N, C-alpha and C. Protein backbone atom coordinates (compact mmCIF):
# COMPACT_ATOMS: atom_id res chain seq x y z
N UNK A 1 -30.78 150.79 20.41
CA UNK A 1 -29.35 150.57 20.34
C UNK A 1 -28.58 151.90 20.36
N UNK A 2 -29.06 152.87 19.57
CA UNK A 2 -28.37 154.15 19.52
C UNK A 2 -28.49 154.90 20.84
N UNK A 3 -29.63 154.78 21.50
CA UNK A 3 -29.80 155.46 22.78
C UNK A 3 -28.84 154.92 23.83
N UNK A 4 -28.63 153.61 23.83
CA UNK A 4 -27.70 153.00 24.77
C UNK A 4 -26.27 153.45 24.46
N UNK A 5 -25.92 153.48 23.18
CA UNK A 5 -24.57 153.90 22.79
C UNK A 5 -24.35 155.37 23.13
N UNK A 6 -25.34 156.20 22.87
CA UNK A 6 -25.23 157.62 23.19
C UNK A 6 -25.07 157.82 24.69
N UNK A 7 -25.81 157.07 25.48
CA UNK A 7 -25.72 157.18 26.94
C UNK A 7 -24.33 156.77 27.42
N UNK A 8 -23.79 155.73 26.83
CA UNK A 8 -22.45 155.29 27.24
C UNK A 8 -21.38 156.30 26.86
N UNK A 9 -21.50 156.88 25.68
CA UNK A 9 -20.52 157.89 25.26
C UNK A 9 -20.61 159.11 26.16
N UNK A 10 -21.82 159.55 26.44
CA UNK A 10 -22.01 160.71 27.31
C UNK A 10 -21.48 160.42 28.72
N UNK A 11 -21.74 159.23 29.22
CA UNK A 11 -21.24 158.86 30.56
C UNK A 11 -19.72 158.80 30.58
N UNK A 12 -19.13 158.29 29.50
CA UNK A 12 -17.66 158.24 29.43
C UNK A 12 -17.07 159.65 29.41
N UNK A 13 -17.72 160.57 28.70
CA UNK A 13 -17.24 161.95 28.66
C UNK A 13 -17.34 162.60 30.03
N UNK A 14 -18.44 162.38 30.71
CA UNK A 14 -18.61 162.98 32.05
C UNK A 14 -17.59 162.42 33.03
N UNK A 15 -17.41 161.10 33.00
CA UNK A 15 -16.41 160.48 33.89
C UNK A 15 -15.00 160.97 33.56
N UNK A 16 -14.73 161.17 32.29
CA UNK A 16 -13.42 161.67 31.88
C UNK A 16 -13.17 163.08 32.37
N UNK A 17 -14.18 163.95 32.27
CA UNK A 17 -14.01 165.32 32.75
C UNK A 17 -13.80 165.37 34.25
N UNK A 18 -14.51 164.51 35.00
CA UNK A 18 -14.29 164.46 36.45
C UNK A 18 -12.88 163.96 36.76
N UNK A 19 -12.43 162.97 36.02
CA UNK A 19 -11.07 162.46 36.23
C UNK A 19 -10.03 163.52 35.91
N UNK A 20 -10.27 164.29 34.85
CA UNK A 20 -9.36 165.36 34.49
C UNK A 20 -9.33 166.44 35.57
N UNK A 21 -10.48 166.75 36.13
CA UNK A 21 -10.55 167.75 37.20
C UNK A 21 -9.77 167.28 38.43
N UNK A 22 -9.95 166.03 38.80
CA UNK A 22 -9.22 165.48 39.95
C UNK A 22 -7.72 165.47 39.69
N UNK A 23 -7.31 165.10 38.48
CA UNK A 23 -5.89 165.08 38.14
C UNK A 23 -5.31 166.49 38.16
N UNK A 24 -6.06 167.48 37.68
CA UNK A 24 -5.58 168.87 37.71
C UNK A 24 -5.44 169.37 39.14
N UNK A 25 -6.38 169.02 39.99
CA UNK A 25 -6.27 169.41 41.41
C UNK A 25 -5.08 168.74 42.07
N UNK A 26 -4.85 167.47 41.75
CA UNK A 26 -3.69 166.77 42.29
C UNK A 26 -2.39 167.41 41.81
N UNK A 27 -2.32 167.75 40.53
CA UNK A 27 -1.13 168.39 40.00
C UNK A 27 -0.89 169.75 40.65
N UNK A 28 -1.95 170.50 40.89
CA UNK A 28 -1.82 171.79 41.58
C UNK A 28 -1.31 171.60 43.01
N UNK A 29 -1.84 170.58 43.69
CA UNK A 29 -1.38 170.30 45.05
C UNK A 29 0.10 169.91 45.07
N UNK A 30 0.51 169.10 44.13
CA UNK A 30 1.93 168.71 44.03
C UNK A 30 2.80 169.93 43.77
N UNK A 31 2.33 170.83 42.90
CA UNK A 31 3.12 172.01 42.58
C UNK A 31 3.26 172.93 43.80
N UNK A 32 2.19 173.14 44.54
CA UNK A 32 2.25 173.99 45.74
C UNK A 32 3.16 173.35 46.77
N UNK A 33 3.06 172.03 46.94
CA UNK A 33 3.94 171.32 47.88
C UNK A 33 5.40 171.47 47.46
N UNK A 34 5.67 171.36 46.17
CA UNK A 34 7.05 171.52 45.67
C UNK A 34 7.55 172.93 45.92
N UNK A 35 6.71 173.94 45.66
CA UNK A 35 7.15 175.31 45.88
C UNK A 35 7.49 175.56 47.35
N UNK A 36 6.72 174.99 48.24
CA UNK A 36 7.00 175.12 49.67
C UNK A 36 8.34 174.47 50.02
N UNK A 37 8.55 173.25 49.52
CA UNK A 37 9.79 172.55 49.84
C UNK A 37 11.00 173.19 49.16
N UNK A 38 10.82 173.73 47.96
CA UNK A 38 11.95 174.34 47.25
C UNK A 38 12.41 175.62 47.93
N UNK A 39 11.49 176.34 48.54
CA UNK A 39 11.91 177.56 49.24
C UNK A 39 12.52 177.24 50.61
N UNK A 40 11.98 176.23 51.28
CA UNK A 40 12.48 175.88 52.61
C UNK A 40 13.77 175.06 52.52
N UNK A 41 13.90 174.22 51.53
CA UNK A 41 15.04 173.31 51.32
C UNK A 41 15.45 172.59 52.60
N UNK A 42 14.55 171.79 53.14
CA UNK A 42 14.89 171.07 54.37
C UNK A 42 15.92 169.97 54.09
N UNK A 43 16.80 169.78 55.04
CA UNK A 43 17.86 168.78 54.87
C UNK A 43 17.29 167.36 54.88
N UNK A 44 16.18 167.14 55.59
CA UNK A 44 15.60 165.80 55.65
C UNK A 44 15.10 165.33 54.29
N UNK A 45 14.75 166.27 53.42
CA UNK A 45 14.25 165.88 52.10
C UNK A 45 15.34 165.22 51.28
N UNK A 46 16.52 165.77 51.30
CA UNK A 46 17.64 165.18 50.55
C UNK A 46 18.07 163.86 51.19
N UNK A 47 18.02 163.77 52.51
CA UNK A 47 18.36 162.51 53.17
C UNK A 47 17.32 161.44 52.87
N UNK A 48 16.08 161.84 52.72
CA UNK A 48 15.01 160.90 52.41
C UNK A 48 15.20 160.30 51.02
N UNK A 49 15.71 161.08 50.09
CA UNK A 49 15.88 160.62 48.71
C UNK A 49 17.17 159.84 48.48
N UNK A 50 18.09 159.93 49.39
CA UNK A 50 19.30 159.11 49.28
C UNK A 50 20.55 159.95 49.06
N UNK A 51 21.70 159.28 49.09
CA UNK A 51 22.96 160.00 48.91
C UNK A 51 23.15 160.44 47.46
N UNK A 52 23.79 161.57 47.29
CA UNK A 52 24.09 162.07 45.95
C UNK A 52 23.00 162.93 45.34
N UNK A 53 21.87 163.08 46.00
CA UNK A 53 20.78 163.91 45.48
C UNK A 53 21.02 165.35 45.91
N UNK A 54 20.96 166.25 44.96
CA UNK A 54 21.14 167.67 45.26
C UNK A 54 19.85 168.41 44.92
N UNK A 55 19.75 169.65 45.38
CA UNK A 55 18.55 170.43 45.11
C UNK A 55 18.39 170.75 43.63
N UNK A 56 19.46 171.08 42.90
CA UNK A 56 19.27 171.29 41.45
C UNK A 56 18.76 170.02 40.73
N UNK A 57 19.23 168.86 41.14
CA UNK A 57 18.76 167.61 40.54
C UNK A 57 17.28 167.39 40.88
N UNK A 58 16.93 167.64 42.13
CA UNK A 58 15.54 167.47 42.55
C UNK A 58 14.61 168.44 41.82
N UNK A 59 15.07 169.68 41.63
CA UNK A 59 14.27 170.66 40.88
C UNK A 59 14.04 170.20 39.45
N UNK A 60 15.08 169.66 38.82
CA UNK A 60 14.96 169.18 37.45
C UNK A 60 13.98 168.00 37.36
N UNK A 61 14.08 167.08 38.29
CA UNK A 61 13.20 165.89 38.27
C UNK A 61 11.74 166.31 38.48
N UNK A 62 11.49 167.20 39.42
CA UNK A 62 10.12 167.64 39.67
C UNK A 62 9.60 168.43 38.47
N UNK A 63 10.42 169.28 37.90
CA UNK A 63 10.00 170.04 36.72
C UNK A 63 9.67 169.10 35.56
N UNK A 64 10.49 168.10 35.35
CA UNK A 64 10.25 167.14 34.28
C UNK A 64 8.96 166.35 34.55
N UNK A 65 8.75 165.92 35.78
CA UNK A 65 7.56 165.16 36.12
C UNK A 65 6.29 165.98 35.95
N UNK A 66 6.31 167.21 36.42
CA UNK A 66 5.13 168.08 36.29
C UNK A 66 4.87 168.40 34.82
N UNK A 67 5.91 168.59 34.05
CA UNK A 67 5.74 168.87 32.62
C UNK A 67 5.10 167.69 31.90
N UNK A 68 5.54 166.49 32.21
CA UNK A 68 4.96 165.30 31.57
C UNK A 68 3.49 165.15 31.98
N UNK A 69 3.19 165.37 33.24
CA UNK A 69 1.79 165.29 33.68
C UNK A 69 0.92 166.36 33.02
N UNK A 70 1.46 167.56 32.84
CA UNK A 70 0.69 168.61 32.16
C UNK A 70 0.43 168.25 30.71
N UNK A 71 1.43 167.68 30.03
CA UNK A 71 1.21 167.25 28.64
C UNK A 71 0.15 166.17 28.57
N UNK A 72 0.16 165.25 29.53
CA UNK A 72 -0.86 164.21 29.58
C UNK A 72 -2.25 164.82 29.78
N UNK A 73 -2.34 165.82 30.64
CA UNK A 73 -3.62 166.47 30.89
C UNK A 73 -4.12 167.19 29.63
N UNK A 74 -3.23 167.82 28.88
CA UNK A 74 -3.64 168.48 27.64
C UNK A 74 -4.15 167.48 26.61
N UNK A 75 -3.47 166.36 26.48
CA UNK A 75 -3.93 165.32 25.55
C UNK A 75 -5.28 164.76 26.00
N UNK A 76 -5.42 164.53 27.29
CA UNK A 76 -6.69 164.03 27.81
C UNK A 76 -7.81 165.05 27.59
N UNK A 77 -7.53 166.33 27.76
CA UNK A 77 -8.55 167.36 27.52
C UNK A 77 -8.96 167.39 26.06
N UNK A 78 -8.01 167.22 25.16
CA UNK A 78 -8.33 167.17 23.73
C UNK A 78 -9.23 165.98 23.41
N UNK A 79 -8.89 164.81 23.93
CA UNK A 79 -9.69 163.61 23.70
C UNK A 79 -11.08 163.76 24.31
N UNK A 80 -11.16 164.32 25.49
CA UNK A 80 -12.47 164.50 26.14
C UNK A 80 -13.33 165.54 25.43
N UNK A 81 -12.70 166.56 24.87
CA UNK A 81 -13.47 167.52 24.08
C UNK A 81 -14.07 166.83 22.86
N UNK A 82 -13.26 166.04 22.18
CA UNK A 82 -13.76 165.29 21.02
C UNK A 82 -14.89 164.34 21.44
N UNK A 83 -14.72 163.65 22.55
CA UNK A 83 -15.73 162.72 23.02
C UNK A 83 -17.03 163.44 23.39
N UNK A 84 -16.92 164.60 24.00
CA UNK A 84 -18.10 165.38 24.36
C UNK A 84 -18.84 165.88 23.11
N UNK A 85 -18.07 166.35 22.13
CA UNK A 85 -18.71 166.79 20.89
C UNK A 85 -19.38 165.63 20.16
N UNK A 86 -18.76 164.48 20.19
CA UNK A 86 -19.34 163.30 19.56
C UNK A 86 -20.64 162.91 20.26
N UNK A 87 -20.65 162.95 21.58
CA UNK A 87 -21.87 162.62 22.33
C UNK A 87 -22.97 163.62 22.02
N UNK A 88 -22.59 164.90 21.87
CA UNK A 88 -23.58 165.91 21.53
C UNK A 88 -24.17 165.66 20.14
N UNK A 89 -23.33 165.30 19.18
CA UNK A 89 -23.82 165.01 17.83
C UNK A 89 -24.71 163.79 17.82
N UNK A 90 -24.37 162.78 18.60
CA UNK A 90 -25.24 161.59 18.69
C UNK A 90 -26.58 161.94 19.29
N UNK A 91 -26.60 162.86 20.24
CA UNK A 91 -27.85 163.30 20.85
C UNK A 91 -28.73 164.06 19.89
N UNK A 92 -28.12 164.85 19.01
CA UNK A 92 -28.90 165.62 18.04
C UNK A 92 -29.51 164.71 16.98
N UNK A 93 -28.87 163.59 16.65
CA UNK A 93 -29.35 162.70 15.60
C UNK A 93 -30.52 161.85 16.05
N UNK A 94 -30.60 161.56 17.34
CA UNK A 94 -31.67 160.65 17.80
C UNK A 94 -32.90 161.39 18.27
């Protein structure tokens, strides 16, 4: 029973770290894409988002979105660290 539980905890930790890595890569890609668009400031981008959207508003929305995603990644990293340590302790006991 303990071996099965330990295996599941370890597998959950590994899957979580891979998910965190993919999310971090996605966030980096979004940030690079935003930096490119913010420097170029193409007119089609504002037309795509609708009337009344300005570049300062778009900068604020992207900054807020990236900040929320970064906070989520930090919380996920904390939980995954705890999960990894727990799996390690379970492995030492059996």
